[in-house]
Amino acid sequence: MSGDSVRIAIIGSGKMASIHAANVTTTSGARLVSVAGGSGAAALAGRFGAQSMTVDEAFASDSVDAAIIASPNAFHADHTIAAAAAGKAVLVEKPVDLDLARADECLRAVGDAADRVVVAFNRRFDPSFAEVRRRVVTGEIGDVAQLVIVSRDPAPPPLAYVPGSGGLFRDMTIHDLDMARFLVGDITSVVAVGQSLDPDIAALGDYSGAMLTLTAASGAIITIVNSRSNSFGYDQRLEVFGPLGTLAVTNSSEDLIVRSGGSSVDSASRVISHYSDRYRDAYRAEIEHLCAVTRRETPSLSTLADGREALALAVAAGESARTGEVVRL
């Protein structure tokens, strides 16, 4: 590392690469030195005063301490393996891979360097969700009996994105599956029912929504509610229930005003409509955590093993939705 700054290369030039680039440049102790990969790499690098490189050049460069893997899903495992082999700390977008066997290969290949890999489950870094976990772990509500997670996007993704995404469970639900593990531990069974209400998405073999019931090794029961579209914005809620009470996270709205009047009572403004705004603090915290991991100040909060387990649950959910059966892990 050069001085106190962690020098970071971003692999990829799409939407998440842009979000990470902006956050690196505003994070104390982090410096964006290069962008590599994708047709927009040169433009993104120029926008933030970084150097444009090839992926191989970025991994080989002595001026790079850490890599953020924001390339398309099919490249995540290969890029993680290459970055770790080059001695870089890594923040890799989910999923680690679309194929469970390939995710296992990635774990084996990275080996002892896995403690320097962070999987970008951004919700673990959200201040509200992180505080709920802290209070669950301290026993504030007793042993968790039930967990309900609601996650609805404001609008479906572009149709061109769907075929390479891995489908609803690997692309969207995987965040909620990881949050379930984060809050209640290992999961032993999955039941999923998919909905095909959007004919364009159905024609591509994917679901527009789903409901899942999971059972944890602890005996806790988890319900996950997903939809690709929601009329009032980005719906992100959870409630944890135990014998001593509940802990809940509600939606963030565009302002803090709640109105009551002759036509409505306790009416709030529209909820935040984009994930980059809802999870702004979480994305910044990811970069701070990557810097701490790079400096070996802390172990990864979201490991490759966590990424593998969330993918296994997503695969199980897909199997359950397809067969109508309970899938046991």
Protein backbone atom coordinates (compact mmCIF):
# COMPACT_ATOMS: atom_id res chain seq x y z
CA MET A 1 0.00 0.00 0.00
CA SER A 2 1.09 3.53 -0.72
CA GLY A 3 1.03 5.48 2.53
CA ASP A 4 -2.29 4.98 4.31
CA SER A 5 -4.38 4.74 1.14
CA VAL A 6 -5.67 1.41 -0.15
CA ARG A 7 -5.22 1.51 -3.93
CA ILE A 8 -8.21 -0.06 -5.63
CA ALA A 9 -8.91 -1.36 -9.12
CA ILE A 10 -12.47 -1.87 -10.29
CA ILE A 11 -13.11 -4.75 -12.68
CA GLY A 12 -16.14 -3.96 -14.83
CA SER A 13 -17.73 -0.77 -16.10
CA GLY A 14 -21.48 -1.22 -15.62
CA LYS A 15 -23.92 0.17 -13.06
CA MET A 16 -22.37 -1.42 -9.96
CA ALA A 17 -18.87 -0.51 -11.12
CA SER A 18 -19.99 3.11 -11.36
CA ILE A 19 -21.54 3.03 -7.88
CA HIS A 20 -18.38 1.53 -6.38
CA ALA A 21 -16.13 4.00 -8.24
CA ALA A 22 -18.04 6.96 -6.83
CA ASN A 23 -17.85 5.53 -3.31
CA VAL A 24 -14.13 4.72 -3.50
CA THR A 25 -13.37 8.31 -4.44
CA THR A 26 -15.27 9.64 -1.42
CA THR A 27 -13.95 7.14 1.14
CA SER A 28 -11.13 8.27 3.37
CA GLY A 29 -8.14 5.95 3.04
CA ALA A 30 -9.20 4.60 -0.36
CA ARG A 31 -7.95 5.62 -3.79
CA LEU A 32 -9.27 4.51 -7.18
CA VAL A 33 -6.23 3.82 -9.35
CA SER A 34 -7.70 1.88 -12.27
CA VAL A 35 -10.77 0.57 -14.04
CA ALA A 36 -10.49 -2.55 -16.16
CA GLY A 37 -12.84 -4.58 -18.31
CA GLY A 38 -15.93 -3.74 -20.29
CA SER A 39 -16.48 -1.32 -23.15
CA GLY A 40 -17.01 1.58 -20.75
CA ALA A 41 -13.82 1.12 -18.72
CA ALA A 42 -11.90 3.99 -20.30
CA ALA A 43 -14.81 6.40 -19.86
CA LEU A 44 -15.41 5.37 -16.24
CA ALA A 45 -11.71 5.64 -15.44
CA GLY A 46 -11.56 9.09 -17.02
CA ARG A 47 -14.61 10.24 -15.10
CA PHE A 48 -12.84 9.61 -11.79
CA GLY A 49 -9.27 10.41 -12.82
CA ALA A 50 -8.13 6.79 -12.79
CA GLN A 51 -6.11 4.78 -15.29
CA SER A 52 -7.74 2.41 -17.79
CA MET A 53 -6.13 -1.03 -17.82
CA THR A 54 -6.82 -4.52 -19.06
CA VAL A 55 -7.98 -6.97 -16.41
CA ASP A 56 -4.65 -8.83 -16.51
CA GLU A 57 -2.74 -5.56 -16.12
CA ALA A 58 -4.81 -4.57 -13.09
CA PHE A 59 -4.18 -7.88 -11.33
CA ALA A 60 -0.45 -7.79 -12.14
CA SER A 61 0.04 -4.15 -11.13
CA ASP A 62 2.10 -3.35 -8.05
CA SER A 63 0.06 -0.15 -7.75
CA VAL A 64 -3.13 -2.11 -6.91
CA ASP A 65 -3.78 -3.38 -3.38
CA ALA A 66 -7.41 -4.49 -3.76
CA ALA A 67 -9.85 -5.30 -6.53
CA ILE A 68 -13.60 -4.77 -6.71
CA ILE A 69 -15.10 -7.41 -9.00
CA ALA A 70 -18.14 -5.85 -10.67
CA SER A 71 -17.89 -7.72 -13.94
CA PRO A 72 -20.79 -9.80 -15.36
CA ASN A 73 -21.84 -12.75 -13.19
CA ALA A 74 -20.16 -15.34 -15.41
CA PHE A 75 -16.74 -13.80 -14.68
CA HIS A 76 -16.98 -13.38 -10.91
CA ALA A 77 -15.31 -16.66 -9.95
CA ASP A 78 -12.48 -16.38 -12.49
CA HIS A 79 -11.74 -12.79 -11.55
CA THR A 80 -11.83 -13.57 -7.83
CA ILE A 81 -9.40 -16.45 -8.25
CA ALA A 82 -7.03 -14.34 -10.36
CA ALA A 83 -7.14 -11.36 -8.00
CA ALA A 84 -6.54 -13.50 -4.92
CA ALA A 85 -3.68 -15.35 -6.64
CA ALA A 86 -2.09 -11.95 -7.36
CA GLY A 87 -2.21 -11.09 -3.67
CA LYS A 88 -5.05 -8.59 -3.87
CA ALA A 89 -7.84 -8.23 -1.35
CA VAL A 90 -11.20 -8.64 -3.08
CA LEU A 91 -14.73 -7.30 -2.91
CA VAL A 92 -16.79 -9.42 -5.32
CA GLU A 93 -20.37 -8.77 -6.33
CA LYS A 94 -22.90 -11.53 -5.78
CA PRO A 95 -23.31 -14.26 -6.87
CA VAL A 96 -19.83 -15.76 -6.64
CA ASP A 97 -20.97 -17.78 -9.66
CA LEU A 98 -24.25 -18.96 -11.11
CA ASP A 99 -23.14 -22.59 -10.77
CA LEU A 100 -22.71 -24.11 -7.33
CA ALA A 101 -19.92 -26.46 -8.42
CA ARG A 102 -18.02 -23.50 -9.85
CA ALA A 103 -18.46 -21.59 -6.58
CA ASP A 104 -16.95 -24.58 -4.78
CA GLU A 105 -14.03 -24.55 -7.23
CA CYS A 106 -13.52 -20.87 -6.46
CA LEU A 107 -13.39 -21.57 -2.72
CA ARG A 108 -10.82 -24.32 -3.23
CA ALA A 109 -8.71 -22.24 -5.62
CA VAL A 110 -8.63 -19.18 -3.36
CA GLY A 111 -7.71 -21.36 -0.38
CA ASP A 112 -6.04 -19.56 2.50
CA ALA A 113 -6.55 -16.18 0.79
CA ALA A 114 -10.31 -16.49 1.37
CA ASP A 115 -10.04 -14.41 4.54
CA ARG A 116 -9.23 -11.43 2.30
CA VAL A 117 -12.33 -11.84 0.10
CA VAL A 118 -15.56 -9.95 0.85
CA VAL A 119 -18.77 -10.94 -0.97
CA ALA A 120 -20.87 -7.85 -1.65
CA PHE A 121 -24.00 -8.71 0.29
CA ASN A 122 -24.60 -5.02 0.85
CA ARG A 123 -27.47 -5.52 3.30
CA ARG A 124 -25.06 -6.89 5.90
CA PHE A 125 -23.49 -3.43 5.84
CA ASP A 126 -26.75 -1.47 6.06
CA PRO A 127 -26.75 0.34 9.43
CA SER A 128 -30.32 -0.68 10.32
CA PHE A 129 -29.97 -4.36 9.40
CA ALA A 130 -26.56 -4.53 11.08
CA GLU A 131 -28.03 -3.05 14.27
CA VAL A 132 -30.88 -5.58 14.22
CA ARG A 133 -28.35 -8.39 14.01
CA ARG A 134 -26.32 -6.95 16.88
CA ARG A 135 -29.42 -6.80 19.05
CA VAL A 136 -30.51 -10.31 18.03
CA VAL A 137 -27.05 -11.66 18.94
CA THR A 138 -27.16 -9.94 22.33
CA GLY A 139 -30.46 -11.71 23.07
CA GLU A 140 -32.68 -8.64 23.24
CA ILE A 141 -35.73 -10.52 21.92
CA GLY A 142 -34.69 -14.01 23.02
CA ASP A 143 -34.19 -16.89 20.60
CA VAL A 144 -35.53 -15.94 17.19
CA ALA A 145 -38.77 -17.80 16.43
CA GLN A 146 -39.84 -16.11 13.18
CA LEU A 147 -38.30 -13.84 10.58
CA VAL A 148 -40.19 -12.09 7.77
CA ILE A 149 -38.26 -10.42 4.93
CA VAL A 150 -40.03 -8.36 2.26
CA SER A 151 -38.06 -7.33 -0.82
CA ARG A 152 -39.82 -5.82 -3.84
CA ASP A 153 -38.15 -3.90 -6.64
CA PRO A 154 -39.87 -0.81 -8.07
CA ALA A 155 -39.68 -2.15 -11.64
CA PRO A 156 -38.47 -5.25 -13.50
CA PRO A 157 -34.91 -5.29 -14.85
CA PRO A 158 -34.31 -4.78 -18.59
CA LEU A 159 -35.30 -7.97 -20.41
CA ALA A 160 -31.82 -8.22 -21.91
CA TYR A 161 -30.44 -8.56 -18.37
CA VAL A 162 -32.61 -11.52 -17.34
CA PRO A 163 -31.00 -14.42 -19.31
CA GLY A 164 -27.54 -13.82 -17.84
CA SER A 165 -28.74 -12.99 -14.34
CA GLY A 166 -29.30 -16.55 -13.19
CA GLY A 167 -32.98 -15.88 -12.55
CA LEU A 168 -34.94 -14.41 -9.68
CA PHE A 169 -33.58 -16.67 -6.95
CA ARG A 170 -29.88 -16.31 -7.82
CA ASP A 171 -30.12 -12.64 -8.74
CA MET A 172 -32.61 -11.08 -6.31
CA THR A 173 -33.66 -13.53 -3.58
CA ILE A 174 -30.02 -14.38 -2.86
CA HIS A 175 -29.75 -11.14 -0.86
CA ASP A 176 -32.69 -12.18 1.33
CA LEU A 177 -31.37 -15.71 1.70
CA ASP A 178 -28.07 -14.32 2.92
CA MET A 179 -29.90 -12.01 5.32
CA ALA A 180 -31.79 -15.01 6.70
CA ARG A 181 -28.47 -16.76 7.42
CA PHE A 182 -27.03 -13.52 8.83
CA LEU A 183 -29.86 -13.26 11.36
CA VAL A 184 -30.74 -16.88 12.24
CA GLY A 185 -27.84 -19.07 11.10
CA ASP A 186 -27.85 -22.22 9.00
CA ILE A 187 -30.93 -23.18 6.99
CA THR A 188 -32.07 -26.81 6.80
CA SER A 189 -34.99 -26.70 4.35
CA VAL A 190 -36.49 -24.50 1.64
CA VAL A 191 -39.96 -24.33 0.09
CA ALA A 192 -40.48 -21.85 -2.75
CA VAL A 193 -43.42 -20.91 -4.96
CA GLY A 194 -42.70 -18.78 -8.01
CA GLN A 195 -45.09 -16.41 -9.75
CA SER A 196 -45.16 -15.75 -13.49
CA LEU A 197 -47.32 -12.63 -13.67
CA ASP A 198 -45.10 -10.77 -16.16
CA PRO A 199 -45.48 -12.49 -19.55
CA ASP A 200 -42.21 -11.08 -20.91
CA ILE A 201 -40.20 -12.41 -17.97
CA ALA A 202 -42.13 -15.71 -18.06
CA ALA A 203 -41.22 -16.10 -21.73
CA LEU A 204 -37.57 -16.02 -20.66
CA GLY A 205 -38.18 -18.83 -18.16
CA ASP A 206 -37.98 -16.66 -15.06
CA TYR A 207 -40.33 -15.60 -12.28
CA SER A 208 -41.70 -12.13 -11.59
CA GLY A 209 -42.23 -12.88 -7.90
CA ALA A 210 -41.96 -15.59 -5.28
CA MET A 211 -42.70 -16.56 -1.71
CA LEU A 212 -40.36 -18.80 0.28
CA THR A 213 -40.55 -20.57 3.62
CA LEU A 214 -37.26 -21.61 5.19
CA THR A 215 -36.56 -23.58 8.34
CA ALA A 216 -33.38 -22.84 10.29
CA ALA A 217 -31.33 -25.36 12.24
CA SER A 218 -32.35 -23.40 15.35
CA GLY A 219 -36.03 -24.09 14.63
CA ALA A 220 -36.76 -20.54 13.48
CA ILE A 221 -39.09 -20.16 10.49
CA ILE A 222 -38.37 -17.56 7.81
CA THR A 223 -40.76 -16.15 5.22
CA ILE A 224 -39.35 -14.27 2.22
CA VAL A 225 -41.60 -12.22 -0.07
CA ASN A 226 -40.23 -11.08 -3.44
CA SER A 227 -41.61 -9.16 -6.40
CA ARG A 228 -39.93 -7.70 -9.46
CA SER A 229 -42.26 -4.68 -9.40
CA ASN A 230 -43.91 -2.51 -6.76
CA SER A 231 -46.06 0.57 -7.38
CA PHE A 232 -44.81 2.63 -4.42
CA GLY A 233 -41.04 2.19 -4.76
CA TYR A 234 -38.25 0.00 -3.38
CA ASP A 235 -39.89 -2.06 -0.64
CA GLN A 236 -37.28 -3.28 1.86
CA ARG A 237 -38.58 -4.44 5.24
CA LEU A 238 -37.97 -7.12 7.82
CA GLU A 239 -39.31 -8.19 11.19
CA VAL A 240 -37.63 -10.52 13.67
CA PHE A 241 -39.89 -12.05 16.31
CA GLY A 242 -38.88 -13.73 19.55
CA PRO A 243 -40.39 -14.49 22.96
CA LEU A 244 -39.24 -11.14 24.34
CA GLY A 245 -40.42 -8.93 21.50
CA THR A 246 -39.79 -7.95 17.90
CA LEU A 247 -37.24 -5.93 15.97
CA ALA A 248 -38.36 -4.39 12.69
CA VAL A 249 -36.85 -2.34 9.88
CA THR A 250 -39.31 -0.23 7.92
CA ASN A 251 -39.01 1.43 4.53
CA SER A 252 -37.04 4.60 3.99
CA SER A 253 -39.17 7.32 2.41
CA GLU A 254 -38.17 10.34 0.38
CA ASP A 255 -38.67 12.58 3.43
CA LEU A 256 -39.61 12.20 7.10
CA ILE A 257 -43.02 13.85 6.85
CA VAL A 258 -46.16 11.92 7.80
CA ARG A 259 -49.50 13.63 7.06
CA SER A 260 -52.92 13.05 8.55
CA GLY A 261 -55.99 14.86 7.29
CA GLY A 262 -59.54 14.54 6.05
CA SER A 263 -58.60 12.19 3.21
CA SER A 264 -55.91 10.03 4.85
CA VAL A 265 -54.28 9.21 8.19
CA ASP A 266 -50.55 8.70 8.78
CA SER A 267 -49.78 9.05 5.09
CA ALA A 268 -46.07 9.16 4.26
CA SER A 269 -44.31 10.12 1.03
CA ARG A 270 -43.27 7.58 -1.57
CA VAL A 271 -40.49 5.24 -0.45
CA ILE A 272 -37.01 5.51 -1.94
CA SER A 273 -37.18 4.23 -5.49
CA HIS A 274 -33.68 2.93 -6.27
CA TYR A 275 -31.33 0.53 -4.55
CA SER A 276 -28.35 2.87 -4.96
CA ASP A 277 -30.16 5.43 -2.81
CA ARG A 278 -31.68 3.01 -0.28
CA TYR A 279 -28.33 1.32 0.33
CA ARG A 280 -26.07 4.34 -0.12
CA ASP A 281 -24.62 4.01 3.39
CA ALA A 282 -24.21 0.26 2.96
CA TYR A 283 -22.19 0.65 -0.25
CA ARG A 284 -19.91 3.14 1.47
CA ALA A 285 -19.50 0.79 4.41
CA GLU A 286 -18.52 -2.01 2.01
CA ILE A 287 -15.62 0.09 0.74
CA GLU A 288 -14.52 0.96 4.27
CA HIS A 289 -14.66 -2.73 5.17
CA LEU A 290 -12.66 -3.70 2.08
CA CYS A 291 -9.97 -1.22 3.14
CA ALA A 292 -9.88 -2.68 6.66
CA VAL A 293 -9.65 -6.22 5.27
CA THR A 294 -6.87 -5.14 2.90
CA ARG A 295 -4.92 -3.71 5.85
CA ARG A 296 -5.60 -6.96 7.75
CA GLU A 297 -7.36 -5.01 10.51
CA THR A 298 -10.47 -7.23 10.45
CA PRO A 299 -11.66 -10.52 8.96
CA SER A 300 -14.23 -10.46 6.18
CA LEU A 301 -17.78 -9.91 7.42
CA SER A 302 -19.21 -11.56 4.30
CA THR A 303 -17.03 -14.46 3.25
CA LEU A 304 -16.73 -16.62 0.16
CA ALA A 305 -18.27 -19.41 2.23
CA ASP A 306 -21.25 -17.12 2.93
CA GLY A 307 -21.53 -16.49 -0.80
CA ARG A 308 -21.46 -20.21 -1.48
CA GLU A 309 -24.14 -20.97 1.11
CA ALA A 310 -26.49 -18.24 -0.16
CA LEU A 311 -26.07 -19.61 -3.69
CA ALA A 312 -26.87 -23.12 -2.44
CA LEU A 313 -30.10 -21.78 -0.94
CA ALA A 314 -30.96 -20.00 -4.20
CA VAL A 315 -30.41 -23.22 -6.14
CA ALA A 316 -32.60 -25.08 -3.64
CA ALA A 317 -35.33 -22.44 -4.01
CA GLY A 318 -35.27 -22.85 -7.78
CA GLU A 319 -35.56 -26.62 -7.43
CA SER A 320 -38.46 -26.29 -4.97
CA ALA A 321 -40.32 -23.82 -7.21
CA ARG A 322 -39.86 -26.14 -10.18
CA THR A 323 -40.86 -29.39 -8.44
CA GLY A 324 -43.24 -28.23 -5.73
CA GLU A 325 -41.21 -30.19 -3.19
CA VAL A 326 -39.45 -29.30 0.06
CA VAL A 327 -35.71 -29.20 -0.56
CA ARG A 328 -33.60 -30.22 2.43
CA LEU A 329 -30.00 -29.12 2.87
